[in-house]
Amino acid sequence: MASFHTLPVELIYRILDHQDILTIICSMRNVCQRFNTIIDSYYRYQTLEQLEVEDIKITDIKAQLLANTLKMNTTITALYLMGNQISEKGLEYIVDAIRPNTTLTTLSISNNGLVSDELRCLTNMIRFNKTLTDLDLSYNQINDRGAFYLADALSYNTTLTTLDLGYNHIKDDGAKNLADALKENTTLTQIYLGDNWISEKLKDRIYKYMNRNKNQSKSRKRRRTSSPTNLE
């Protein structure tokens, strides 16, 4: 009987063809070094740009396995983790993997029941991340304390352009912290705040900064496209 270690690579590729990508990442990697090498060369893994892991309840072990993949992966640009009830520990695994990642630009942790204190590891990462442009934290339980953590991160971040905070528990105190941070932030151009408890006055103030940033972004693009090309 043939040992797994001697199975032809093409046969292993055929086995992988019948597995979903999450099974490959969480259950088939790290079986042995040879299998890792084969998976790394497998075409679906090499060309994986968007990973959707939705509504399956990610355990801490699965979160750690997913994190191990993110640490080594250089193709995934969008990660969607909606509706998984990720624990604080699970989120820490994933955030630690994203911290050194230089390819991920879109992250959704929507509808995971995240409370404000669980955001600390995420906002600490956002502070200095230079890659993420889109972050979706909608349908969680983020309150004014969480908004304060996010505001602090936005005071430092220079790459995030879209932030979705809809359907959370943010009130005026949290919105004021966000507004104060966005007064200095010049890169965020879209923020979604629907179905929170924020006064129209504070919403208007925040959206004023968004419009300012949009106009500045358009101006920068116009200057780049209108700059004459230097010919030798």
C-alpha atoms as a PDB file:
ATOM      1  CA  MET A   1       0.000   0.000   0.000  1.00  0.00           C
ATOM      2  CA  ALA A   2       1.349   3.413  -0.957  1.00  0.00           C
ATOM      3  CA  SER A   3       2.305   5.733   1.863  1.00  0.00           C
ATOM      4  CA  PHE A   4       1.052   9.314   1.878  1.00  0.00           C
ATOM      5  CA  HIS A   5       4.678  10.391   1.721  1.00  0.00           C
ATOM      6  CA  THR A   6       5.085   8.641  -1.617  1.00  0.00           C
ATOM      7  CA  LEU A   7       1.789   9.620  -3.273  1.00  0.00           C
ATOM      8  CA  PRO A   8       2.338  11.449  -6.555  1.00  0.00           C
ATOM      9  CA  VAL A   9       1.866  15.219  -6.380  1.00  0.00           C
ATOM     10  CA  GLU A  10      -0.743  15.140  -9.153  1.00  0.00           C
ATOM     11  CA  LEU A  11      -2.869  12.714  -7.133  1.00  0.00           C
ATOM     12  CA  ILE A  12      -2.705  14.975  -4.098  1.00  0.00           C
ATOM     13  CA  TYR A  13      -3.761  17.899  -6.309  1.00  0.00           C
ATOM     14  CA  ARG A  14      -6.837  15.877  -7.319  1.00  0.00           C
ATOM     15  CA  ILE A  15      -7.648  15.284  -3.634  1.00  0.00           C
ATOM     16  CA  LEU A  16      -7.352  19.015  -2.977  1.00  0.00           C
ATOM     17  CA  ASP A  17      -9.684  19.731  -5.901  1.00  0.00           C
ATOM     18  CA  HIS A  18     -12.503  18.150  -3.883  1.00  0.00           C
ATOM     19  CA  GLN A  19     -11.890  20.181  -0.694  1.00  0.00           C
ATOM     20  CA  ASP A  20     -13.123  23.662   0.119  1.00  0.00           C
ATOM     21  CA  ILE A  21     -10.417  26.217   0.751  1.00  0.00           C
ATOM     22  CA  LEU A  22     -11.134  26.488   4.493  1.00  0.00           C
ATOM     23  CA  THR A  23     -10.656  22.720   4.908  1.00  0.00           C
ATOM     24  CA  ILE A  24      -7.336  22.986   3.124  1.00  0.00           C
ATOM     25  CA  ILE A  25      -6.238  25.868   5.360  1.00  0.00           C
ATOM     26  CA  CYS A  26      -7.506  24.600   8.709  1.00  0.00           C
ATOM     27  CA  SER A  27      -7.354  20.812   8.393  1.00  0.00           C
ATOM     28  CA  MET A  28      -4.821  19.873   5.739  1.00  0.00           C
ATOM     29  CA  ARG A  29      -1.944  22.273   6.260  1.00  0.00           C
ATOM     30  CA  ASN A  30       0.751  21.307   8.757  1.00  0.00           C
ATOM     31  CA  VAL A  31       0.096  17.578   8.361  1.00  0.00           C
ATOM     32  CA  CYS A  32       3.722  17.319   7.334  1.00  0.00           C
ATOM     33  CA  GLN A  33       6.308  19.446   5.553  1.00  0.00           C
ATOM     34  CA  ARG A  34       5.799  17.683   2.222  1.00  0.00           C
ATOM     35  CA  PHE A  35       2.057  18.377   2.294  1.00  0.00           C
ATOM     36  CA  ASN A  36       2.686  22.048   3.113  1.00  0.00           C
ATOM     37  CA  THR A  37       5.033  22.322   0.147  1.00  0.00           C
ATOM     38  CA  ILE A  38       2.449  20.728  -2.145  1.00  0.00           C
ATOM     39  CA  ILE A  39      -0.353  22.988  -0.876  1.00  0.00           C
ATOM     40  CA  ASP A  40       1.877  26.029  -1.371  1.00  0.00           C
ATOM     41  CA  SER A  41       2.236  25.050  -5.034  1.00  0.00           C
ATOM     42  CA  TYR A  42      -1.457  24.178  -5.522  1.00  0.00           C
ATOM     43  CA  TYR A  43      -3.047  26.577  -8.022  1.00  0.00           C
ATOM     44  CA  ARG A  44      -6.166  27.405  -5.933  1.00  0.00           C
ATOM     45  CA  TYR A  45      -3.995  28.283  -2.953  1.00  0.00           C
ATOM     46  CA  GLN A  46      -1.513  30.290  -5.029  1.00  0.00           C
ATOM     47  CA  THR A  47      -4.256  32.397  -6.612  1.00  0.00           C
ATOM     48  CA  LEU A  48      -6.419  32.879  -3.511  1.00  0.00           C
ATOM     49  CA  GLU A  49      -7.201  36.589  -3.255  1.00  0.00           C
ATOM     50  CA  GLN A  50     -10.539  36.649  -1.409  1.00  0.00           C
ATOM     51  CA  LEU A  51     -11.283  34.408   1.574  1.00  0.00           C
ATOM     52  CA  GLU A  52     -14.849  34.227   2.885  1.00  0.00           C
ATOM     53  CA  VAL A  53     -15.442  32.410   6.169  1.00  0.00           C
ATOM     54  CA  GLU A  54     -19.019  33.186   7.139  1.00  0.00           C
ATOM     55  CA  ASP A  55     -21.518  31.903   9.710  1.00  0.00           C
ATOM     56  CA  ILE A  56     -19.619  28.810  10.868  1.00  0.00           C
ATOM     57  CA  LYS A  57     -18.617  29.880  14.413  1.00  0.00           C
ATOM     58  CA  ILE A  58     -14.836  29.990  14.300  1.00  0.00           C
ATOM     59  CA  THR A  59     -13.349  28.274  17.336  1.00  0.00           C
ATOM     60  CA  ASP A  60     -10.073  29.462  18.854  1.00  0.00           C
ATOM     61  CA  ILE A  61      -8.283  26.507  17.246  1.00  0.00           C
ATOM     62  CA  LYS A  62      -9.648  27.348  13.796  1.00  0.00           C
ATOM     63  CA  ALA A  63      -8.769  30.995  14.333  1.00  0.00           C
ATOM     64  CA  GLN A  64      -5.203  29.988  15.161  1.00  0.00           C
ATOM     65  CA  LEU A  65      -4.956  27.770  12.078  1.00  0.00           C
ATOM     66  CA  LEU A  66      -6.364  30.556   9.927  1.00  0.00           C
ATOM     67  CA  ALA A  67      -3.876  32.975  11.476  1.00  0.00           C
ATOM     68  CA  ASN A  68      -0.975  30.653  10.677  1.00  0.00           C
ATOM     69  CA  THR A  69      -2.013  30.720   7.030  1.00  0.00           C
ATOM     70  CA  LEU A  70      -2.344  34.511   6.976  1.00  0.00           C
ATOM     71  CA  LYS A  71       1.174  34.884   8.349  1.00  0.00           C
ATOM     72  CA  MET A  72       2.619  33.028   5.347  1.00  0.00           C
ATOM     73  CA  ASN A  73       0.137  34.019   2.644  1.00  0.00           C
ATOM     74  CA  THR A  74       1.004  36.757   0.143  1.00  0.00           C
ATOM     75  CA  THR A  75      -2.042  36.591  -2.151  1.00  0.00           C
ATOM     76  CA  ILE A  76      -5.116  37.202   0.038  1.00  0.00           C
ATOM     77  CA  THR A  77      -6.246  40.829  -0.238  1.00  0.00           C
ATOM     78  CA  ALA A  78      -9.748  40.507   1.252  1.00  0.00           C
ATOM     79  CA  LEU A  79     -10.806  38.566   4.357  1.00  0.00           C
ATOM     80  CA  TYR A  80     -14.490  38.252   5.286  1.00  0.00           C
ATOM     81  CA  LEU A  81     -15.267  36.779   8.724  1.00  0.00           C
ATOM     82  CA  MET A  82     -18.919  37.736   9.154  1.00  0.00           C
ATOM     83  CA  GLY A  83     -21.177  36.011  11.675  1.00  0.00           C
ATOM     84  CA  ASN A  84     -18.637  33.722  13.337  1.00  0.00           C
ATOM     85  CA  GLN A  85     -18.873  34.752  17.007  1.00  0.00           C
ATOM     86  CA  ILE A  86     -15.089  35.005  17.196  1.00  0.00           C
ATOM     87  CA  SER A  87     -13.834  35.066  20.779  1.00  0.00           C
ATOM     88  CA  GLU A  88     -11.379  37.623  22.112  1.00  0.00           C
ATOM     89  CA  LYS A  89      -8.600  35.025  21.951  1.00  0.00           C
ATOM     90  CA  GLY A  90      -9.524  34.069  18.404  1.00  0.00           C
ATOM     91  CA  LEU A  91      -9.477  37.702  17.363  1.00  0.00           C
ATOM     92  CA  GLU A  92      -6.035  38.122  18.930  1.00  0.00           C
ATOM     93  CA  TYR A  93      -4.698  35.235  16.810  1.00  0.00           C
ATOM     94  CA  ILE A  94      -6.047  36.789  13.621  1.00  0.00           C
ATOM     95  CA  VAL A  95      -4.910  40.324  14.442  1.00  0.00           C
ATOM     96  CA  ASP A  96      -1.397  39.132  15.304  1.00  0.00           C
ATOM     97  CA  ALA A  97      -1.252  37.478  11.871  1.00  0.00           C
ATOM     98  CA  ILE A  98      -2.479  40.600  10.079  1.00  0.00           C
ATOM     99  CA  ARG A  99      -0.022  42.878  11.876  1.00  0.00           C
ATOM    100  CA  PRO A 100       2.997  41.994   9.647  1.00  0.00           C
ATOM    101  CA  ASN A 101       0.858  41.194   6.578  1.00  0.00           C
ATOM    102  CA  THR A 102       1.465  43.542   3.637  1.00  0.00           C
ATOM    103  CA  THR A 103      -1.164  42.315   1.152  1.00  0.00           C
ATOM    104  CA  LEU A 104      -4.502  42.378   3.025  1.00  0.00           C
ATOM    105  CA  THR A 105      -6.485  45.522   2.166  1.00  0.00           C
ATOM    106  CA  THR A 106     -10.053  44.559   3.145  1.00  0.00           C
ATOM    107  CA  LEU A 107     -11.178  43.099   6.475  1.00  0.00           C
ATOM    108  CA  SER A 108     -14.737  42.398   7.630  1.00  0.00           C
ATOM    109  CA  ILE A 109     -15.477  41.252  11.190  1.00  0.00           C
ATOM    110  CA  SER A 110     -19.152  42.172  10.939  1.00  0.00           C
ATOM    111  CA  ASN A 111     -21.792  40.496  13.135  1.00  0.00           C
ATOM    112  CA  ASN A 112     -19.438  38.779  15.556  1.00  0.00           C
ATOM    113  CA  GLY A 113     -20.866  40.114  18.809  1.00  0.00           C
ATOM    114  CA  LEU A 114     -17.670  42.048  19.482  1.00  0.00           C
ATOM    115  CA  VAL A 115     -17.766  44.239  22.562  1.00  0.00           C
ATOM    116  CA  SER A 116     -15.558  47.260  23.058  1.00  0.00           C
ATOM    117  CA  ASP A 117     -12.805  45.721  25.182  1.00  0.00           C
ATOM    118  CA  GLU A 118     -12.308  42.979  22.584  1.00  0.00           C
ATOM    119  CA  LEU A 119     -11.380  45.696  20.093  1.00  0.00           C
ATOM    120  CA  ARG A 120      -8.193  46.712  21.886  1.00  0.00           C
ATOM    121  CA  CYS A 121      -5.933  44.302  19.998  1.00  0.00           C
ATOM    122  CA  LEU A 122      -7.554  45.316  16.701  1.00  0.00           C
ATOM    123  CA  THR A 123      -7.286  49.065  17.267  1.00  0.00           C
ATOM    124  CA  ASN A 124      -3.682  48.745  18.409  1.00  0.00           C
ATOM    125  CA  MET A 125      -2.931  47.056  15.087  1.00  0.00           C
ATOM    126  CA  ILE A 126      -4.865  49.670  13.073  1.00  0.00           C
ATOM    127  CA  ARG A 127      -2.810  52.460  14.632  1.00  0.00           C
ATOM    128  CA  PHE A 128       0.239  51.636  12.546  1.00  0.00           C
ATOM    129  CA  ASN A 129      -1.065  49.357   9.793  1.00  0.00           C
ATOM    130  CA  LYS A 130      -0.023  50.588   6.344  1.00  0.00           C
ATOM    131  CA  THR A 131      -2.056  48.204   4.185  1.00  0.00           C
ATOM    132  CA  LEU A 132      -5.732  48.014   5.236  1.00  0.00           C
ATOM    133  CA  THR A 133      -8.030  50.400   3.378  1.00  0.00           C
ATOM    134  CA  ASP A 134     -11.473  48.932   4.163  1.00  0.00           C
ATOM    135  CA  LEU A 135     -12.673  47.829   7.617  1.00  0.00           C
ATOM    136  CA  ASP A 136     -16.183  46.564   8.402  1.00  0.00           C
ATOM    137  CA  LEU A 137     -17.171  46.377  12.088  1.00  0.00           C
ATOM    138  CA  SER A 138     -20.920  46.683  11.600  1.00  0.00           C
ATOM    139  CA  TYR A 139     -23.536  44.697  13.544  1.00  0.00           C
ATOM    140  CA  ASN A 140     -21.418  44.307  16.670  1.00  0.00           C
ATOM    141  CA  GLN A 141     -21.805  45.682  20.204  1.00  0.00           C
ATOM    142  CA  ILE A 142     -19.307  48.523  20.047  1.00  0.00           C
ATOM    143  CA  ASN A 143     -20.217  51.320  22.452  1.00  0.00           C
ATOM    144  CA  ASP A 144     -18.652  54.687  23.341  1.00  0.00           C
ATOM    145  CA  ARG A 145     -15.598  53.012  24.865  1.00  0.00           C
ATOM    146  CA  GLY A 146     -14.997  51.117  21.617  1.00  0.00           C
ATOM    147  CA  ALA A 147     -15.452  54.324  19.636  1.00  0.00           C
ATOM    148  CA  PHE A 148     -12.779  55.915  21.847  1.00  0.00           C
ATOM    149  CA  TYR A 149     -10.344  53.082  21.012  1.00  0.00           C
ATOM    150  CA  LEU A 150     -11.125  53.453  17.311  1.00  0.00           C
ATOM    151  CA  ALA A 151     -10.722  57.228  17.464  1.00  0.00           C
ATOM    152  CA  ASP A 152      -7.286  56.812  19.004  1.00  0.00           C
ATOM    153  CA  ALA A 153      -6.300  54.427  16.190  1.00  0.00           C
ATOM    154  CA  LEU A 154      -7.618  56.792  13.512  1.00  0.00           C
ATOM    155  CA  SER A 155      -5.469  59.575  14.940  1.00  0.00           C
ATOM    156  CA  TYR A 156      -2.416  57.582  13.810  1.00  0.00           C
ATOM    157  CA  ASN A 157      -3.628  55.555  10.821  1.00  0.00           C
ATOM    158  CA  THR A 158      -2.890  56.983   7.354  1.00  0.00           C
ATOM    159  CA  THR A 159      -4.234  54.312   4.976  1.00  0.00           C
ATOM    160  CA  LEU A 160      -7.801  53.417   6.001  1.00  0.00           C
ATOM    161  CA  THR A 161     -10.322  54.974   3.612  1.00  0.00           C
ATOM    162  CA  THR A 162     -13.586  53.181   4.498  1.00  0.00           C
ATOM    163  CA  LEU A 163     -14.947  52.303   7.951  1.00  0.00           C
ATOM    164  CA  ASP A 164     -18.345  50.713   8.620  1.00  0.00           C
ATOM    165  CA  LEU A 165     -19.648  51.123  12.180  1.00  0.00           C
ATOM    166  CA  GLY A 166     -23.329  50.721  11.403  1.00  0.00           C
ATOM    167  CA  TYR A 167     -25.664  48.884  13.796  1.00  0.00           C
ATOM    168  CA  ASN A 168     -23.579  49.259  16.937  1.00  0.00           C
ATOM    169  CA  HIS A 169     -24.233  50.983  20.296  1.00  0.00           C
ATOM    170  CA  ILE A 170     -22.332  54.230  19.761  1.00  0.00           C
ATOM    171  CA  LYS A 171     -23.775  57.384  21.326  1.00  0.00           C
ATOM    172  CA  ASP A 172     -22.740  61.036  21.258  1.00  0.00           C
ATOM    173  CA  ASP A 173     -19.763  60.647  23.610  1.00  0.00           C
ATOM    174  CA  GLY A 174     -18.209  58.067  21.304  1.00  0.00           C
ATOM    175  CA  ALA A 175     -19.135  60.025  18.197  1.00  0.00           C
ATOM    176  CA  LYS A 176     -17.449  63.130  19.622  1.00  0.00           C
ATOM    177  CA  ASN A 177     -14.205  61.179  20.041  1.00  0.00           C
ATOM    178  CA  LEU A 178     -14.489  59.978  16.458  1.00  0.00           C
ATOM    179  CA  ALA A 179     -15.124  63.524  15.230  1.00  0.00           C
ATOM    180  CA  ASP A 180     -12.106  64.872  17.116  1.00  0.00           C
ATOM    181  CA  ALA A 181      -9.891  62.185  15.576  1.00  0.00           C
ATOM    182  CA  LEU A 182     -11.260  62.710  12.076  1.00  0.00           C
ATOM    183  CA  LYS A 183     -10.529  66.412  12.301  1.00  0.00           C
ATOM    184  CA  GLU A 184      -6.851  65.415  12.055  1.00  0.00           C
ATOM    185  CA  ASN A 185      -7.218  62.296   9.895  1.00  0.00           C
ATOM    186  CA  THR A 186      -6.995  63.167   6.193  1.00  0.00           C
ATOM    187  CA  THR A 187      -7.318  59.737   4.539  1.00  0.00           C
ATOM    188  CA  LEU A 188     -10.677  58.310   5.708  1.00  0.00           C
ATOM    189  CA  THR A 189     -13.250  59.270   3.066  1.00  0.00           C
ATOM    190  CA  GLN A 190     -16.226  57.046   3.971  1.00  0.00           C
ATOM    191  CA  ILE A 191     -17.691  56.204   7.359  1.00  0.00           C
ATOM    192  CA  TYR A 192     -21.025  54.481   7.971  1.00  0.00           C
ATOM    193  CA  LEU A 193     -22.788  55.245  11.254  1.00  0.00           C
ATOM    194  CA  GLY A 194     -26.370  54.169  10.603  1.00  0.00           C
ATOM    195  CA  ASP A 195     -28.454  52.707  13.436  1.00  0.00           C
ATOM    196  CA  ASN A 196     -26.369  54.039  16.289  1.00  0.00           C
ATOM    197  CA  TRP A 197     -27.570  56.631  18.800  1.00  0.00           C
ATOM    198  CA  ILE A 198     -25.756  59.652  17.431  1.00  0.00           C
ATOM    199  CA  SER A 199     -27.224  63.143  17.151  1.00  0.00           C
ATOM    200  CA  GLU A 200     -27.570  64.734  13.724  1.00  0.00           C
ATOM    201  CA  LYS A 201     -25.268  67.546  14.828  1.00  0.00           C
ATOM    202  CA  LEU A 202     -22.378  65.172  15.467  1.00  0.00           C
ATOM    203  CA  LYS A 203     -23.093  63.161  12.335  1.00  0.00           C
ATOM    204  CA  ASP A 204     -22.939  66.379  10.310  1.00  0.00           C
ATOM    205  CA  ARG A 205     -19.603  67.260  11.884  1.00  0.00           C
ATOM    206  CA  ILE A 206     -18.149  63.850  11.044  1.00  0.00           C
ATOM    207  CA  TYR A 207     -19.498  63.917   7.485  1.00  0.00           C
ATOM    208  CA  LYS A 208     -18.013  67.392   7.029  1.00  0.00           C
ATOM    209  CA  TYR A 209     -14.561  65.914   7.601  1.00  0.00           C
ATOM    210  CA  MET A 210     -15.361  63.049   5.215  1.00  0.00           C
ATOM    211  CA  ASN A 211     -16.283  65.521   2.480  1.00  0.00           C
ATOM    212  CA  ARG A 212     -13.097  67.477   3.135  1.00  0.00           C
ATOM    213  CA  ASN A 213     -11.039  64.310   2.769  1.00  0.00           C
ATOM    214  CA  LYS A 214     -12.862  63.291  -0.412  1.00  0.00           C
ATOM    215  CA  ASN A 215     -12.189  66.682  -1.978  1.00  0.00           C
ATOM    216  CA  GLN A 216      -8.535  66.557  -0.980  1.00  0.00           C
ATOM    217  CA  SER A 217      -8.226  63.044  -2.393  1.00  0.00           C
ATOM    218  CA  LYS A 218      -9.757  64.144  -5.705  1.00  0.00           C
ATOM    219  CA  SER A 219      -7.432  67.135  -5.796  1.00  0.00           C
ATOM    220  CA  ARG A 220      -4.370  64.944  -5.250  1.00  0.00           C
ATOM    221  CA  LYS A 221      -5.490  62.605  -8.050  1.00  0.00           C
ATOM    222  CA  ARG A 222      -5.992  65.528 -10.425  1.00  0.00           C
ATOM    223  CA  ARG A 223      -2.540  66.866  -9.658  1.00  0.00           C
ATOM    224  CA  ARG A 224      -0.975  63.466 -10.323  1.00  0.00           C
ATOM    225  CA  THR A 225      -2.763  63.019 -13.645  1.00  0.00           C
ATOM    226  CA  SER A 226      -2.056  66.576 -14.803  1.00  0.00           C
ATOM    227  CA  SER A 227       1.645  66.562 -13.886  1.00  0.00           C
ATOM    228  CA  PRO A 228       3.761  66.720 -17.070  1.00  0.00           C
ATOM    229  CA  THR A 229       5.913  63.729 -17.829  1.00  0.00           C
ATOM    230  CA  ASN A 230       9.593  64.495 -17.697  1.00  0.00           C
ATOM    231  CA  LEU A 231      11.275  63.367 -20.889  1.00  0.00           C
ATOM    232  CA  GLU A 232      14.974  62.725 -21.035  1.00  0.00           C
END
